[in-house]
Amino acid sequence: MTRLGAMRVAAVVLAAATLGACGSNATTTTAPPAAGGASSTSSSSSSAGATVAMAKTSLGNVVVDAKGMTLYMFTKDTKDSGKSSCVGQCLTAWPPLFADGTPTGDSVTGKLGTIDTPDGKKQVTLDGWPLYYFAKDKAAGDVTGQGVGKVWWVLDATGKPMEQAPSAADSSGGY
């Protein structure tokens, strides 16, 4: 085989491996960051209905998803506006909680709903606030997104932001 032929074969193998790594699953429902760190897509947890619950963390009882991953609100969103202000790179750091149906609550007393995202998905809301994960939260109960940029906060059962800054709040990633 000529050197040029070998280079062509290598290019074809590399292209096939790259395409294979992309996968062919048209419906990407990436687990929330808890299941293995930051999500590699802007897609987040999506389940029929999506359950929102309460869990005890170092900040007290906060809103979490069905797997115990902390959910946050963004003060740059406008409550009850029906849209999210988190776009572009913001969505990489702060993936939304999506639902395929009506969200349900376990020990959550605030009103649950959804808003339509620009790509046609349904983002879960609590008391009018769109809900997000923080990509740096690695395990159930992590609250490392609390106070980031002084614009990201956990919520209580009613959907009210709990704006208590952690002792060493990260100022990056606030968007």
N, C-alpha and C. Protein backbone atom coordinates (compact mmCIF):
# COMPACT_ATOMS: atom_id res chain seq x y z
N MET A 1 0.85 -1.17 0.00
CA MET A 1 0.00 0.00 0.00
C MET A 1 0.89 1.23 0.00
N THR A 2 0.52 2.21 -0.78
CA THR A 2 1.31 3.44 -0.85
C THR A 2 1.06 4.27 0.40
N ARG A 3 1.95 5.21 0.62
CA ARG A 3 1.79 6.10 1.77
C ARG A 3 0.50 6.89 1.66
N LEU A 4 0.16 7.37 0.44
CA LEU A 4 -1.07 8.12 0.23
C LEU A 4 -2.27 7.23 0.51
N GLY A 5 -2.21 5.97 0.09
CA GLY A 5 -3.30 5.03 0.35
C GLY A 5 -3.48 4.79 1.83
N ALA A 6 -2.37 4.65 2.56
CA ALA A 6 -2.43 4.43 4.00
C ALA A 6 -3.04 5.64 4.70
N MET A 7 -2.71 6.85 4.22
CA MET A 7 -3.27 8.07 4.81
C MET A 7 -4.78 8.13 4.57
N ARG A 8 -5.22 7.70 3.39
CA ARG A 8 -6.65 7.70 3.10
C ARG A 8 -7.39 6.71 3.99
N VAL A 9 -6.82 5.52 4.17
CA VAL A 9 -7.44 4.52 5.04
C VAL A 9 -7.53 5.07 6.47
N ALA A 10 -6.46 5.69 6.95
CA ALA A 10 -6.45 6.26 8.30
C ALA A 10 -7.52 7.33 8.44
N ALA A 11 -7.68 8.16 7.40
CA ALA A 11 -8.70 9.21 7.44
C ALA A 11 -10.10 8.62 7.49
N VAL A 12 -10.35 7.56 6.74
CA VAL A 12 -11.66 6.91 6.74
C VAL A 12 -11.93 6.29 8.11
N VAL A 13 -10.94 5.62 8.69
CA VAL A 13 -11.10 5.01 10.02
C VAL A 13 -11.38 6.08 11.06
N LEU A 14 -10.63 7.19 11.01
CA LEU A 14 -10.84 8.28 11.95
C LEU A 14 -12.23 8.87 11.80
N ALA A 15 -12.68 9.09 10.59
CA ALA A 15 -14.01 9.64 10.35
C ALA A 15 -15.08 8.70 10.87
N ALA A 16 -14.93 7.40 10.63
CA ALA A 16 -15.91 6.42 11.12
C ALA A 16 -15.95 6.41 12.64
N ALA A 17 -14.80 6.47 13.28
CA ALA A 17 -14.75 6.48 14.75
C ALA A 17 -15.40 7.72 15.30
N THR A 18 -15.15 8.86 14.66
CA THR A 18 -15.75 10.11 15.11
C THR A 18 -17.26 10.06 14.98
N LEU A 19 -17.75 9.60 13.86
CA LEU A 19 -19.20 9.50 13.67
C LEU A 19 -19.81 8.51 14.66
N GLY A 20 -19.13 7.41 14.90
CA GLY A 20 -19.63 6.43 15.86
C GLY A 20 -19.71 7.00 17.25
N ALA A 21 -18.75 7.84 17.62
CA ALA A 21 -18.76 8.44 18.95
C ALA A 21 -19.90 9.42 19.10
N CYS A 22 -20.33 10.01 18.00
CA CYS A 22 -21.45 10.95 18.07
C CYS A 22 -22.74 10.23 18.37
N GLY A 23 -22.84 8.97 17.98
CA GLY A 23 -24.07 8.22 18.23
C GLY A 23 -25.13 8.56 17.22
N SER A 24 -26.14 7.73 17.18
CA SER A 24 -27.22 7.99 16.23
C SER A 24 -28.54 8.15 16.94
N ASN A 25 -28.52 8.29 18.26
CA ASN A 25 -29.75 8.45 19.00
C ASN A 25 -30.29 9.85 18.78
N ALA A 26 -31.43 9.95 18.15
CA ALA A 26 -32.01 11.26 17.84
C ALA A 26 -32.53 11.95 19.08
N THR A 27 -32.91 11.20 20.09
CA THR A 27 -33.42 11.81 21.31
C THR A 27 -32.34 11.80 22.37
N THR A 28 -31.70 12.93 22.58
CA THR A 28 -30.66 12.98 23.58
C THR A 28 -31.27 13.42 24.89
N THR A 29 -31.22 12.55 25.86
CA THR A 29 -31.66 12.92 27.19
C THR A 29 -30.51 12.61 28.13
N THR A 30 -29.65 13.58 28.28
CA THR A 30 -28.48 13.43 29.10
C THR A 30 -28.89 13.46 30.56
N ALA A 31 -28.30 12.60 31.35
CA ALA A 31 -28.58 12.60 32.77
C ALA A 31 -28.11 13.92 33.36
N PRO A 32 -28.73 14.35 34.44
CA PRO A 32 -28.27 15.57 35.08
C PRO A 32 -26.82 15.42 35.49
N PRO A 33 -26.14 16.52 35.73
CA PRO A 33 -24.73 16.47 36.02
C PRO A 33 -24.34 15.48 37.11
N ALA A 34 -25.23 15.10 38.00
CA ALA A 34 -24.91 14.21 39.10
C ALA A 34 -24.39 12.87 38.64
N ALA A 35 -24.92 12.37 37.58
CA ALA A 35 -24.60 11.02 37.17
C ALA A 35 -23.21 10.89 36.60
N GLY A 36 -22.45 11.92 36.52
CA GLY A 36 -21.10 11.76 36.01
C GLY A 36 -20.47 13.08 35.66
N GLY A 37 -20.83 14.11 36.37
CA GLY A 37 -20.21 15.39 36.11
C GLY A 37 -21.00 16.21 35.12
N ALA A 38 -20.35 17.17 34.52
CA ALA A 38 -21.00 18.11 33.63
C ALA A 38 -21.55 17.43 32.40
N SER A 39 -22.68 17.88 32.00
CA SER A 39 -23.33 17.36 30.81
C SER A 39 -22.56 17.83 29.59
N SER A 40 -22.43 16.94 28.60
CA SER A 40 -21.67 17.34 27.41
C SER A 40 -22.56 17.96 26.35
N THR A 41 -23.84 18.02 26.59
CA THR A 41 -24.75 18.67 25.66
C THR A 41 -25.57 19.67 26.43
N SER A 42 -26.31 20.51 25.74
CA SER A 42 -27.15 21.46 26.44
C SER A 42 -28.46 20.80 26.84
N SER A 43 -28.63 19.54 26.51
CA SER A 43 -29.78 18.78 26.91
C SER A 43 -29.64 18.39 28.36
N SER A 44 -30.71 18.28 29.05
CA SER A 44 -30.63 17.88 30.44
C SER A 44 -31.62 16.77 30.69
N SER A 45 -31.85 16.52 31.95
CA SER A 45 -32.75 15.43 32.32
C SER A 45 -34.13 15.68 31.74
N SER A 46 -34.66 14.67 31.13
CA SER A 46 -35.99 14.76 30.56
C SER A 46 -36.72 13.47 30.88
N SER A 47 -37.85 13.59 31.53
CA SER A 47 -38.63 12.40 31.81
C SER A 47 -40.09 12.77 31.72
N ALA A 48 -40.91 11.76 31.50
CA ALA A 48 -42.34 12.02 31.42
C ALA A 48 -42.76 12.65 32.72
N GLY A 49 -43.09 13.89 32.70
CA GLY A 49 -43.58 14.58 33.87
C GLY A 49 -42.51 15.25 34.72
N ALA A 50 -41.37 14.65 34.92
CA ALA A 50 -40.30 15.16 35.78
C ALA A 50 -40.82 15.43 37.19
N THR A 51 -40.21 14.79 38.15
CA THR A 51 -40.59 14.98 39.54
C THR A 51 -39.62 15.94 40.21
N VAL A 52 -40.18 16.90 40.91
CA VAL A 52 -39.41 17.86 41.69
C VAL A 52 -39.73 17.58 43.15
N ALA A 53 -38.70 17.53 43.98
CA ALA A 53 -38.90 17.17 45.39
C ALA A 53 -38.05 18.08 46.28
N MET A 54 -38.07 17.78 47.56
CA MET A 54 -37.27 18.49 48.53
C MET A 54 -36.24 17.53 49.11
N ALA A 55 -35.04 18.05 49.40
CA ALA A 55 -34.01 17.23 50.03
C ALA A 55 -33.17 18.09 50.95
N LYS A 56 -32.66 17.47 51.99
CA LYS A 56 -31.81 18.15 52.97
C LYS A 56 -30.39 18.28 52.40
N THR A 57 -29.86 19.50 52.44
CA THR A 57 -28.49 19.78 52.00
C THR A 57 -27.81 20.62 53.07
N SER A 58 -26.60 21.00 52.82
CA SER A 58 -25.88 21.88 53.76
C SER A 58 -26.54 23.24 53.89
N LEU A 59 -27.42 23.58 52.95
CA LEU A 59 -28.14 24.85 52.99
C LEU A 59 -29.53 24.70 53.60
N GLY A 60 -29.89 23.50 54.01
CA GLY A 60 -31.23 23.20 54.50
C GLY A 60 -32.00 22.45 53.43
N ASN A 61 -33.32 22.42 53.54
CA ASN A 61 -34.15 21.72 52.55
C ASN A 61 -34.29 22.58 51.30
N VAL A 62 -33.90 21.99 50.16
CA VAL A 62 -33.94 22.70 48.88
C VAL A 62 -34.62 21.85 47.82
N VAL A 63 -35.00 22.47 46.73
CA VAL A 63 -35.64 21.79 45.61
C VAL A 63 -34.60 20.98 44.83
N VAL A 64 -34.96 19.73 44.54
CA VAL A 64 -34.09 18.81 43.80
C VAL A 64 -34.94 18.06 42.77
N ASP A 65 -34.25 17.33 41.89
CA ASP A 65 -34.96 16.47 40.95
C ASP A 65 -35.19 15.10 41.59
N ALA A 66 -35.74 14.16 40.84
CA ALA A 66 -36.05 12.84 41.37
C ALA A 66 -34.82 12.07 41.83
N LYS A 67 -33.63 12.44 41.34
CA LYS A 67 -32.39 11.76 41.73
C LYS A 67 -31.65 12.50 42.83
N GLY A 68 -32.25 13.58 43.34
CA GLY A 68 -31.63 14.33 44.42
C GLY A 68 -30.67 15.41 43.99
N MET A 69 -30.60 15.67 42.68
CA MET A 69 -29.72 16.73 42.18
C MET A 69 -30.38 18.10 42.41
N THR A 70 -29.61 19.00 42.97
CA THR A 70 -30.09 20.34 43.30
C THR A 70 -30.51 21.11 42.05
N LEU A 71 -31.61 21.83 42.18
CA LEU A 71 -32.10 22.70 41.10
C LEU A 71 -31.99 24.15 41.56
N TYR A 72 -31.73 25.04 40.59
CA TYR A 72 -31.48 26.44 40.87
C TYR A 72 -32.39 27.34 40.04
N MET A 73 -32.51 28.60 40.49
CA MET A 73 -33.17 29.63 39.69
C MET A 73 -32.13 30.70 39.37
N PHE A 74 -32.44 31.50 38.35
CA PHE A 74 -31.53 32.51 37.81
C PHE A 74 -32.21 33.86 37.97
N THR A 75 -31.61 34.79 38.73
CA THR A 75 -32.27 36.07 38.97
C THR A 75 -32.38 36.94 37.72
N LYS A 76 -31.64 36.60 36.65
CA LYS A 76 -31.79 37.36 35.41
C LYS A 76 -33.02 36.91 34.62
N ASP A 77 -33.63 35.77 35.03
CA ASP A 77 -34.93 35.39 34.47
C ASP A 77 -35.97 36.30 35.10
N THR A 78 -37.06 36.51 34.40
CA THR A 78 -38.17 37.26 34.96
C THR A 78 -39.25 36.27 35.36
N LYS A 79 -39.57 36.25 36.64
CA LYS A 79 -40.58 35.33 37.16
C LYS A 79 -41.87 35.47 36.36
N ASP A 80 -42.46 34.34 36.00
CA ASP A 80 -43.72 34.26 35.27
C ASP A 80 -43.68 34.84 33.86
N SER A 81 -42.48 35.07 33.31
CA SER A 81 -42.39 35.65 31.97
C SER A 81 -42.63 34.61 30.87
N GLY A 82 -42.47 33.33 31.23
CA GLY A 82 -42.64 32.28 30.24
C GLY A 82 -41.42 32.05 29.37
N LYS A 83 -40.26 32.62 29.77
CA LYS A 83 -39.05 32.39 29.00
C LYS A 83 -37.83 32.41 29.91
N SER A 84 -36.75 31.84 29.39
CA SER A 84 -35.49 31.77 30.11
C SER A 84 -34.52 32.80 29.53
N SER A 85 -33.74 33.41 30.39
CA SER A 85 -32.70 34.34 29.96
C SER A 85 -31.35 33.66 29.82
N CYS A 86 -31.28 32.39 30.20
CA CYS A 86 -30.03 31.63 30.10
C CYS A 86 -29.94 31.04 28.70
N VAL A 87 -28.99 31.54 27.91
CA VAL A 87 -28.81 31.09 26.52
C VAL A 87 -27.34 30.87 26.24
N GLY A 88 -27.04 30.22 25.14
CA GLY A 88 -25.65 30.02 24.71
C GLY A 88 -24.83 29.27 25.74
N GLN A 89 -23.64 29.81 26.06
CA GLN A 89 -22.72 29.18 27.01
C GLN A 89 -23.35 29.00 28.39
N CYS A 90 -24.27 29.86 28.73
CA CYS A 90 -24.96 29.75 30.01
C CYS A 90 -25.61 28.37 30.14
N LEU A 91 -26.19 27.87 29.06
CA LEU A 91 -26.86 26.57 29.11
C LEU A 91 -25.90 25.41 29.28
N THR A 92 -24.63 25.59 28.95
CA THR A 92 -23.64 24.55 29.17
C THR A 92 -23.35 24.43 30.67
N ALA A 93 -23.21 25.55 31.34
CA ALA A 93 -22.94 25.55 32.77
C ALA A 93 -24.21 25.31 33.60
N TRP A 94 -25.35 25.68 33.05
CA TRP A 94 -26.62 25.63 33.78
C TRP A 94 -27.69 24.93 32.94
N PRO A 95 -27.59 23.61 32.75
CA PRO A 95 -28.57 22.89 31.94
C PRO A 95 -29.97 22.92 32.57
N PRO A 96 -30.99 23.13 31.77
CA PRO A 96 -32.36 23.15 32.29
C PRO A 96 -32.87 21.77 32.68
N LEU A 97 -33.87 21.75 33.54
CA LEU A 97 -34.63 20.53 33.82
C LEU A 97 -35.78 20.51 32.83
N PHE A 98 -35.83 19.48 32.00
CA PHE A 98 -36.89 19.34 31.00
C PHE A 98 -37.91 18.30 31.44
N ALA A 99 -39.11 18.42 30.91
CA ALA A 99 -40.17 17.43 31.16
C ALA A 99 -40.88 17.15 29.85
N ASP A 100 -41.25 15.89 29.65
CA ASP A 100 -42.02 15.52 28.47
C ASP A 100 -43.52 15.64 28.74
N GLY A 101 -43.89 15.75 30.00
CA GLY A 101 -45.30 15.85 30.39
C GLY A 101 -45.46 16.89 31.48
N THR A 102 -46.47 16.70 32.29
CA THR A 102 -46.73 17.63 33.39
C THR A 102 -45.82 17.30 34.57
N PRO A 103 -45.05 18.27 35.06
CA PRO A 103 -44.18 17.98 36.20
C PRO A 103 -45.00 17.75 37.47
N THR A 104 -44.46 16.93 38.35
CA THR A 104 -45.12 16.65 39.63
C THR A 104 -44.18 17.03 40.76
N GLY A 105 -44.75 17.25 41.93
CA GLY A 105 -43.96 17.63 43.08
C GLY A 105 -44.16 16.71 44.25
N ASP A 106 -43.09 16.44 44.97
CA ASP A 106 -43.12 15.66 46.19
C ASP A 106 -42.62 16.58 47.30
N SER A 107 -43.54 17.01 48.17
CA SER A 107 -43.24 17.95 49.27
C SER A 107 -42.96 19.36 48.77
N VAL A 108 -43.25 19.63 47.51
CA VAL A 108 -43.10 20.97 46.94
C VAL A 108 -44.47 21.61 46.92
N THR A 109 -44.58 22.81 47.51
CA THR A 109 -45.88 23.46 47.59
C THR A 109 -46.08 24.56 46.56
N GLY A 110 -45.01 25.03 45.95
CA GLY A 110 -45.12 26.05 44.91
C GLY A 110 -45.72 25.46 43.65
N LYS A 111 -46.22 26.34 42.78
CA LYS A 111 -46.87 25.90 41.54
C LYS A 111 -45.83 25.44 40.52
N LEU A 112 -45.98 24.19 40.06
CA LEU A 112 -45.11 23.65 39.02
C LEU A 112 -45.73 23.88 37.65
N GLY A 113 -44.89 24.12 36.67
CA GLY A 113 -45.35 24.31 35.30
C GLY A 113 -44.20 24.10 34.34
N THR A 114 -44.40 24.51 33.11
CA THR A 114 -43.34 24.44 32.10
C THR A 114 -43.39 25.69 31.24
N ILE A 115 -42.26 25.97 30.61
CA ILE A 115 -42.18 27.01 29.58
C ILE A 115 -41.59 26.35 28.34
N ASP A 116 -41.90 26.92 27.19
CA ASP A 116 -41.35 26.41 25.94
C ASP A 116 -39.98 27.03 25.72
N THR A 117 -39.02 26.19 25.34
CA THR A 117 -37.68 26.68 25.01
C THR A 117 -37.63 26.94 23.50
N PRO A 118 -36.67 27.72 23.03
CA PRO A 118 -36.57 28.01 21.60
C PRO A 118 -36.47 26.76 20.72
N ASP A 119 -35.93 25.66 21.29
CA ASP A 119 -35.81 24.43 20.49
C ASP A 119 -37.01 23.49 20.65
N GLY A 120 -38.10 23.99 21.24
CA GLY A 120 -39.33 23.22 21.32
C GLY A 120 -39.48 22.29 22.51
N LYS A 121 -38.54 22.33 23.45
CA LYS A 121 -38.63 21.49 24.64
C LYS A 121 -39.43 22.21 25.72
N LYS A 122 -39.77 21.48 26.78
CA LYS A 122 -40.50 22.03 27.91
C LYS A 122 -39.56 22.09 29.11
N GLN A 123 -39.26 23.30 29.58
CA GLN A 123 -38.42 23.48 30.76
C GLN A 123 -39.34 23.61 31.97
N VAL A 124 -39.02 22.89 33.03
CA VAL A 124 -39.83 22.91 34.25
C VAL A 124 -39.64 24.23 34.99
N THR A 125 -40.74 24.74 35.55
CA THR A 125 -40.72 25.95 36.36
C THR A 125 -41.32 25.65 37.73
N LEU A 126 -40.88 26.41 38.72
CA LEU A 126 -41.47 26.35 40.06
C LEU A 126 -41.80 27.77 40.47
N ASP A 127 -43.07 28.00 40.73
CA ASP A 127 -43.57 29.33 41.10
C ASP A 127 -43.13 30.38 40.07
N GLY A 128 -43.11 29.98 38.79
CA GLY A 128 -42.78 30.90 37.71
C GLY A 128 -41.31 31.02 37.39
N TRP A 129 -40.43 30.36 38.17
CA TRP A 129 -38.99 30.41 37.91
C TRP A 129 -38.55 29.19 37.13
N PRO A 130 -37.91 29.35 35.97
CA PRO A 130 -37.34 28.20 35.26
C PRO A 130 -36.28 27.53 36.15
N LEU A 131 -36.21 26.19 36.09
CA LEU A 131 -35.30 25.43 36.93
C LEU A 131 -34.10 24.92 36.13
N TYR A 132 -32.93 24.97 36.77
CA TYR A 132 -31.66 24.59 36.15
C TYR A 132 -30.83 23.73 37.10
N TYR A 133 -29.96 22.91 36.51
CA TYR A 133 -28.91 22.21 37.25
C TYR A 133 -27.66 23.08 37.17
N PHE A 134 -26.65 22.78 38.00
CA PHE A 134 -25.34 23.39 37.87
C PHE A 134 -24.38 22.27 37.46
N ALA A 135 -23.68 22.45 36.36
CA ALA A 135 -22.82 21.40 35.81
C ALA A 135 -21.72 20.97 36.77
N LYS A 136 -21.33 21.81 37.70
CA LYS A 136 -20.27 21.45 38.64
C LYS A 136 -20.77 20.65 39.83
N ASP A 137 -22.09 20.55 40.02
CA ASP A 137 -22.62 19.67 41.05
C ASP A 137 -22.42 18.24 40.57
N LYS A 138 -21.75 17.43 41.36
CA LYS A 138 -21.40 16.07 40.95
C LYS A 138 -22.27 14.99 41.58
N ALA A 139 -22.84 15.25 42.75
CA ALA A 139 -23.59 14.23 43.46
C ALA A 139 -24.87 14.82 44.04
N ALA A 140 -25.80 13.95 44.33
CA ALA A 140 -27.05 14.38 44.97
C ALA A 140 -26.70 15.17 46.23
N GLY A 141 -27.37 16.29 46.42
CA GLY A 141 -27.14 17.11 47.60
C GLY A 141 -26.06 18.17 47.44
N ASP A 142 -25.26 18.11 46.36
CA ASP A 142 -24.27 19.17 46.13
C ASP A 142 -24.99 20.49 45.89
N VAL A 143 -24.46 21.56 46.43
CA VAL A 143 -25.05 22.89 46.24
C VAL A 143 -23.97 23.90 45.85
N THR A 144 -23.04 23.47 45.00
CA THR A 144 -21.92 24.34 44.63
C THR A 144 -22.34 25.51 43.74
N GLY A 145 -23.55 25.47 43.21
CA GLY A 145 -24.02 26.58 42.39
C GLY A 145 -24.63 27.72 43.20
N GLN A 146 -24.83 27.50 44.49
CA GLN A 146 -25.47 28.51 45.33
C GLN A 146 -24.65 29.79 45.36
N GLY A 147 -25.27 30.89 44.95
CA GLY A 147 -24.64 32.19 45.02
C GLY A 147 -23.67 32.50 43.90
N VAL A 148 -23.51 31.61 42.92
CA VAL A 148 -22.58 31.87 41.83
C VAL A 148 -22.98 33.16 41.12
N GLY A 149 -22.03 34.06 40.98
CA GLY A 149 -22.27 35.34 40.33
C GLY A 149 -23.32 36.20 41.02
N LYS A 150 -23.71 35.78 42.22
CA LYS A 150 -24.79 36.44 42.98
C LYS A 150 -26.09 36.50 42.18
N VAL A 151 -26.27 35.49 41.27
CA VAL A 151 -27.51 35.44 40.46
C VAL A 151 -28.14 34.05 40.42
N TRP A 152 -27.47 33.03 41.00
CA TRP A 152 -27.99 31.66 40.99
C TRP A 152 -28.28 31.23 42.42
N TRP A 153 -29.53 30.76 42.66
CA TRP A 153 -29.94 30.43 44.02
C TRP A 153 -30.78 29.15 44.04
N VAL A 154 -30.66 28.41 45.14
CA VAL A 154 -31.55 27.28 45.38
C VAL A 154 -32.91 27.84 45.77
N LEU A 155 -33.93 26.96 45.76
CA LEU A 155 -35.28 27.39 46.10
C LEU A 155 -35.83 26.58 47.26
N ASP A 156 -36.78 27.18 47.99
CA ASP A 156 -37.47 26.44 49.04
C ASP A 156 -38.70 25.76 48.44
N ALA A 157 -39.48 25.09 49.24
CA ALA A 157 -40.63 24.31 48.78
C ALA A 157 -41.68 25.14 48.05
N THR A 158 -41.76 26.44 48.36
CA THR A 158 -42.75 27.30 47.72
C THR A 158 -42.26 27.88 46.40
N GLY A 159 -40.97 27.71 46.12
CA GLY A 159 -40.38 28.28 44.92
C GLY A 159 -39.72 29.61 45.17
N LYS A 160 -39.56 29.97 46.44
CA LYS A 160 -38.90 31.23 46.80
C LYS A 160 -37.38 31.01 46.81
N PRO A 161 -36.63 31.90 46.15
CA PRO A 161 -35.16 31.79 46.17
C PRO A 161 -34.62 31.93 47.60
N MET A 162 -33.65 31.08 47.93
CA MET A 162 -32.98 31.13 49.23
C MET A 162 -31.65 31.83 49.01
N GLU A 163 -31.65 33.15 49.08
CA GLU A 163 -30.48 33.94 48.73
C GLU A 163 -29.51 34.10 49.89
N GLN A 164 -29.02 32.98 50.39
CA GLN A 164 -27.97 33.00 51.41
C GLN A 164 -26.69 32.57 50.73
N ALA A 165 -25.70 33.40 50.79
CA ALA A 165 -24.44 33.09 50.12
C ALA A 165 -23.68 32.03 50.92
N PRO A 166 -23.14 31.04 50.23
CA PRO A 166 -22.28 30.07 50.94
C PRO A 166 -21.00 30.76 51.38
N SER A 167 -20.27 30.12 52.25
CA SER A 167 -19.07 30.75 52.81
C SER A 167 -18.04 31.14 51.76
N ALA A 168 -17.90 30.35 50.70
CA ALA A 168 -16.91 30.65 49.67
C ALA A 168 -17.58 30.60 48.29
N ALA A 169 -18.49 31.51 48.03
CA ALA A 169 -19.23 31.52 46.77
C ALA A 169 -18.30 31.77 45.59
N ASP A 170 -18.46 30.97 44.57
CA ASP A 170 -17.70 31.12 43.33
C ASP A 170 -18.31 32.29 42.56
N SER A 171 -17.50 33.19 42.10
CA SER A 171 -18.03 34.33 41.37
C SER A 171 -18.02 34.13 39.88
N SER A 172 -17.50 32.99 39.40
CA SER A 172 -17.47 32.74 37.97
C SER A 172 -18.70 31.96 37.54
N GLY A 173 -19.06 32.05 36.30
CA GLY A 173 -20.19 31.29 35.78
C GLY A 173 -21.53 31.90 36.06
N GLY A 174 -21.56 33.15 36.44
CA GLY A 174 -22.82 33.80 36.80
C GLY A 174 -23.71 34.14 35.63
N TYR A 175 -23.12 34.41 34.50
CA TYR A 175 -23.84 34.79 33.28
C TYR A 175 -24.78 35.91 33.59
